Amino acid sequence: MAGRAGGLPPVTAAGRAAVAVALRRRDLAPRVRARLEMVKAAAVGPDLAAIMAWSGRGERTVRRWLSAFAAGGVAALADAPRSGRPVVADTAPPALGLPFDVWTSP
């Protein structure tokens, strides 16, 4: 697909297919899903202003993720590792009388 007004990087047919496959995953983090949706929107034609409007993101953010996808594909849209020690729950929820088996984040 040719580049569009505003200098957005083009999304190839292979890129569109990779995004479609990734969007079918049920274990996607919401931030990664939003980035994939931005790429999907850019692939089907909306301009930068339209992507910014529905995604609620600024121009810099949209351009950043579209450029990251152009450079590294779907893998480039993943969150970077977070610093610090991961949280560990020492006590299982049933031991505390809670009605669920595992700890989850809200």
C-alpha atoms as a PDB file:
ATOM      1  CA  MET A   1       0.000   0.000   0.000  1.00  0.00           C
ATOM      2  CA  ALA A   2       1.403   3.377  -0.868  1.00  0.00           C
ATOM      3  CA  GLY A   3       2.190   5.975   1.781  1.00  0.00           C
ATOM      4  CA  ARG A   4      -0.651   8.315   2.642  1.00  0.00           C
ATOM      5  CA  ALA A   5      -0.892  11.994   3.374  1.00  0.00           C
ATOM      6  CA  GLY A   6       0.849  12.964   6.559  1.00  0.00           C
ATOM      7  CA  GLY A   7       3.807  10.682   5.913  1.00  0.00           C
ATOM      8  CA  LEU A   8       2.425   7.595   7.654  1.00  0.00           C
ATOM      9  CA  PRO A   9       4.502   4.488   7.005  1.00  0.00           C
ATOM     10  CA  PRO A  10       2.774   2.078   4.629  1.00  0.00           C
ATOM     11  CA  VAL A  11       1.426  -1.245   5.928  1.00  0.00           C
ATOM     12  CA  THR A  12       2.079  -4.170   3.595  1.00  0.00           C
ATOM     13  CA  ALA A  13      -0.298  -7.056   2.927  1.00  0.00           C
ATOM     14  CA  ALA A  14       1.943  -9.301   5.050  1.00  0.00           C
ATOM     15  CA  GLY A  15       1.804  -6.731   7.840  1.00  0.00           C
ATOM     16  CA  ARG A  16      -1.982  -6.628   7.669  1.00  0.00           C
ATOM     17  CA  ALA A  17      -2.118 -10.422   7.900  1.00  0.00           C
ATOM     18  CA  ALA A  18       0.230 -10.445  10.910  1.00  0.00           C
ATOM     19  CA  VAL A  19      -1.911  -7.825  12.677  1.00  0.00           C
ATOM     20  CA  ALA A  20      -5.086  -9.821  11.976  1.00  0.00           C
ATOM     21  CA  VAL A  21      -3.538 -12.948  13.479  1.00  0.00           C
ATOM     22  CA  ALA A  22      -2.260 -11.061  16.533  1.00  0.00           C
ATOM     23  CA  LEU A  23      -5.657  -9.425  17.154  1.00  0.00           C
ATOM     24  CA  ARG A  24      -7.280 -12.861  17.408  1.00  0.00           C
ATOM     25  CA  ARG A  25      -5.187 -13.704  20.474  1.00  0.00           C
ATOM     26  CA  ARG A  26      -7.169 -13.655  23.704  1.00  0.00           C
ATOM     27  CA  ASP A  27      -4.183 -12.929  25.938  1.00  0.00           C
ATOM     28  CA  LEU A  28      -3.262  -9.515  24.535  1.00  0.00           C
ATOM     29  CA  ALA A  29      -2.614  -6.682  26.947  1.00  0.00           C
ATOM     30  CA  PRO A  30      -5.018  -3.781  26.345  1.00  0.00           C
ATOM     31  CA  ARG A  31      -2.146  -1.431  25.413  1.00  0.00           C
ATOM     32  CA  VAL A  32      -0.826  -3.862  22.793  1.00  0.00           C
ATOM     33  CA  ARG A  33      -4.345  -4.373  21.396  1.00  0.00           C
ATOM     34  CA  ALA A  34      -4.762  -0.583  21.042  1.00  0.00           C
ATOM     35  CA  ARG A  35      -1.433  -0.370  19.172  1.00  0.00           C
ATOM     36  CA  LEU A  36      -2.456  -3.200  16.848  1.00  0.00           C
ATOM     37  CA  GLU A  37      -5.775  -1.449  16.188  1.00  0.00           C
ATOM     38  CA  MET A  38      -3.871   1.730  15.237  1.00  0.00           C
ATOM     39  CA  VAL A  39      -1.847  -0.259  12.696  1.00  0.00           C
ATOM     40  CA  LYS A  40      -4.987  -1.956  11.394  1.00  0.00           C
ATOM     41  CA  ALA A  41      -6.666   1.427  10.937  1.00  0.00           C
ATOM     42  CA  ALA A  42      -3.631   2.809   9.114  1.00  0.00           C
ATOM     43  CA  ALA A  43      -3.670  -0.219   6.815  1.00  0.00           C
ATOM     44  CA  VAL A  44      -7.259   0.289   5.707  1.00  0.00           C
ATOM     45  CA  GLY A  45      -6.909   3.958   4.980  1.00  0.00           C
ATOM     46  CA  PRO A  46      -7.951   6.404   7.701  1.00  0.00           C
ATOM     47  CA  ASP A  47      -5.644   9.351   7.939  1.00  0.00           C
ATOM     48  CA  LEU A  48      -3.643  10.341  10.987  1.00  0.00           C
ATOM     49  CA  ALA A  49      -6.339  12.687  12.324  1.00  0.00           C
ATOM     50  CA  ALA A  50      -8.969   9.933  12.210  1.00  0.00           C
ATOM     51  CA  ILE A  51      -6.706   7.468  14.023  1.00  0.00           C
ATOM     52  CA  MET A  52      -5.914  10.093  16.650  1.00  0.00           C
ATOM     53  CA  ALA A  53      -9.614  10.872  17.132  1.00  0.00           C
ATOM     54  CA  TRP A  54     -10.880   7.345  17.758  1.00  0.00           C
ATOM     55  CA  SER A  55      -7.818   6.100  19.657  1.00  0.00           C
ATOM     56  CA  GLY A  56      -7.618   9.108  21.945  1.00  0.00           C
ATOM     57  CA  ARG A  57      -3.847   9.284  21.378  1.00  0.00           C
ATOM     58  CA  GLY A  58      -1.749  12.184  20.184  1.00  0.00           C
ATOM     59  CA  GLU A  59       0.064  12.510  16.886  1.00  0.00           C
ATOM     60  CA  ARG A  60       3.437  11.659  18.407  1.00  0.00           C
ATOM     61  CA  THR A  61       2.109   8.431  19.955  1.00  0.00           C
ATOM     62  CA  VAL A  62       0.345   7.245  16.802  1.00  0.00           C
ATOM     63  CA  ARG A  63       3.390   7.970  14.650  1.00  0.00           C
ATOM     64  CA  ARG A  64       5.648   6.238  17.182  1.00  0.00           C
ATOM     65  CA  TRP A  65       3.701   2.966  17.109  1.00  0.00           C
ATOM     66  CA  LEU A  66       3.173   2.986  13.348  1.00  0.00           C
ATOM     67  CA  SER A  67       6.908   3.555  12.841  1.00  0.00           C
ATOM     68  CA  ALA A  68       7.745   0.832  15.361  1.00  0.00           C
ATOM     69  CA  PHE A  69       5.507  -1.590  13.471  1.00  0.00           C
ATOM     70  CA  ALA A  70       7.081  -0.622  10.145  1.00  0.00           C
ATOM     71  CA  ALA A  71      10.546  -1.278  11.599  1.00  0.00           C
ATOM     72  CA  GLY A  72       9.903  -4.406  13.655  1.00  0.00           C
ATOM     73  CA  GLY A  73       6.473  -5.858  12.958  1.00  0.00           C
ATOM     74  CA  VAL A  74       4.035  -7.057  15.597  1.00  0.00           C
ATOM     75  CA  ALA A  75       6.823  -7.831  18.085  1.00  0.00           C
ATOM     76  CA  ALA A  76       7.811  -4.134  18.157  1.00  0.00           C
ATOM     77  CA  LEU A  77       4.408  -3.226  19.627  1.00  0.00           C
ATOM     78  CA  ALA A  78       4.925  -5.185  22.861  1.00  0.00           C
ATOM     79  CA  ASP A  79       5.447  -3.446  26.168  1.00  0.00           C
ATOM     80  CA  ALA A  80       9.032  -3.002  27.298  1.00  0.00           C
ATOM     81  CA  PRO A  81      10.060  -4.927  30.400  1.00  0.00           C
ATOM     82  CA  ARG A  82       9.272  -3.115  33.630  1.00  0.00           C
ATOM     83  CA  SER A  83      12.008  -2.487  36.147  1.00  0.00           C
ATOM     84  CA  GLY A  84      11.853  -3.711  39.700  1.00  0.00           C
ATOM     85  CA  ARG A  85      10.967  -6.917  41.411  1.00  0.00           C
ATOM     86  CA  PRO A  86       7.699  -8.572  40.376  1.00  0.00           C
ATOM     87  CA  VAL A  87       4.948  -8.696  42.976  1.00  0.00           C
ATOM     88  CA  VAL A  88       4.621 -12.087  44.646  1.00  0.00           C
ATOM     89  CA  ALA A  89       1.560 -13.110  46.647  1.00  0.00           C
ATOM     90  CA  ASP A  90       2.657 -15.382  49.492  1.00  0.00           C
ATOM     91  CA  THR A  91      -0.758 -16.606  50.592  1.00  0.00           C
ATOM     92  CA  ALA A  92      -3.215 -18.370  48.301  1.00  0.00           C
ATOM     93  CA  PRO A  93      -6.685 -16.752  48.178  1.00  0.00           C
ATOM     94  CA  PRO A  94      -8.553 -19.875  49.479  1.00  0.00           C
ATOM     95  CA  ALA A  95      -6.308 -19.869  52.582  1.00  0.00           C
ATOM     96  CA  LEU A  96      -7.657 -16.391  53.326  1.00  0.00           C
ATOM     97  CA  GLY A  97     -11.259 -17.522  52.881  1.00  0.00           C
ATOM     98  CA  LEU A  98     -11.643 -15.852  49.489  1.00  0.00           C
ATOM     99  CA  PRO A  99     -13.934 -17.412  46.843  1.00  0.00           C
ATOM    100  CA  PHE A 100     -11.324 -17.574  44.044  1.00  0.00           C
ATOM    101  CA  ASP A 101      -8.221 -19.699  43.421  1.00  0.00           C
ATOM    102  CA  VAL A 102      -5.600 -17.307  42.036  1.00  0.00           C
ATOM    103  CA  TRP A 103      -4.614 -13.693  42.477  1.00  0.00           C
ATOM    104  CA  THR A 104      -5.282 -11.430  39.493  1.00  0.00           C
ATOM    105  CA  SER A 105      -4.837  -7.744  38.939  1.00  0.00           C
ATOM    106  CA  PRO A 106      -7.928  -5.545  38.586  1.00  0.00           C
END
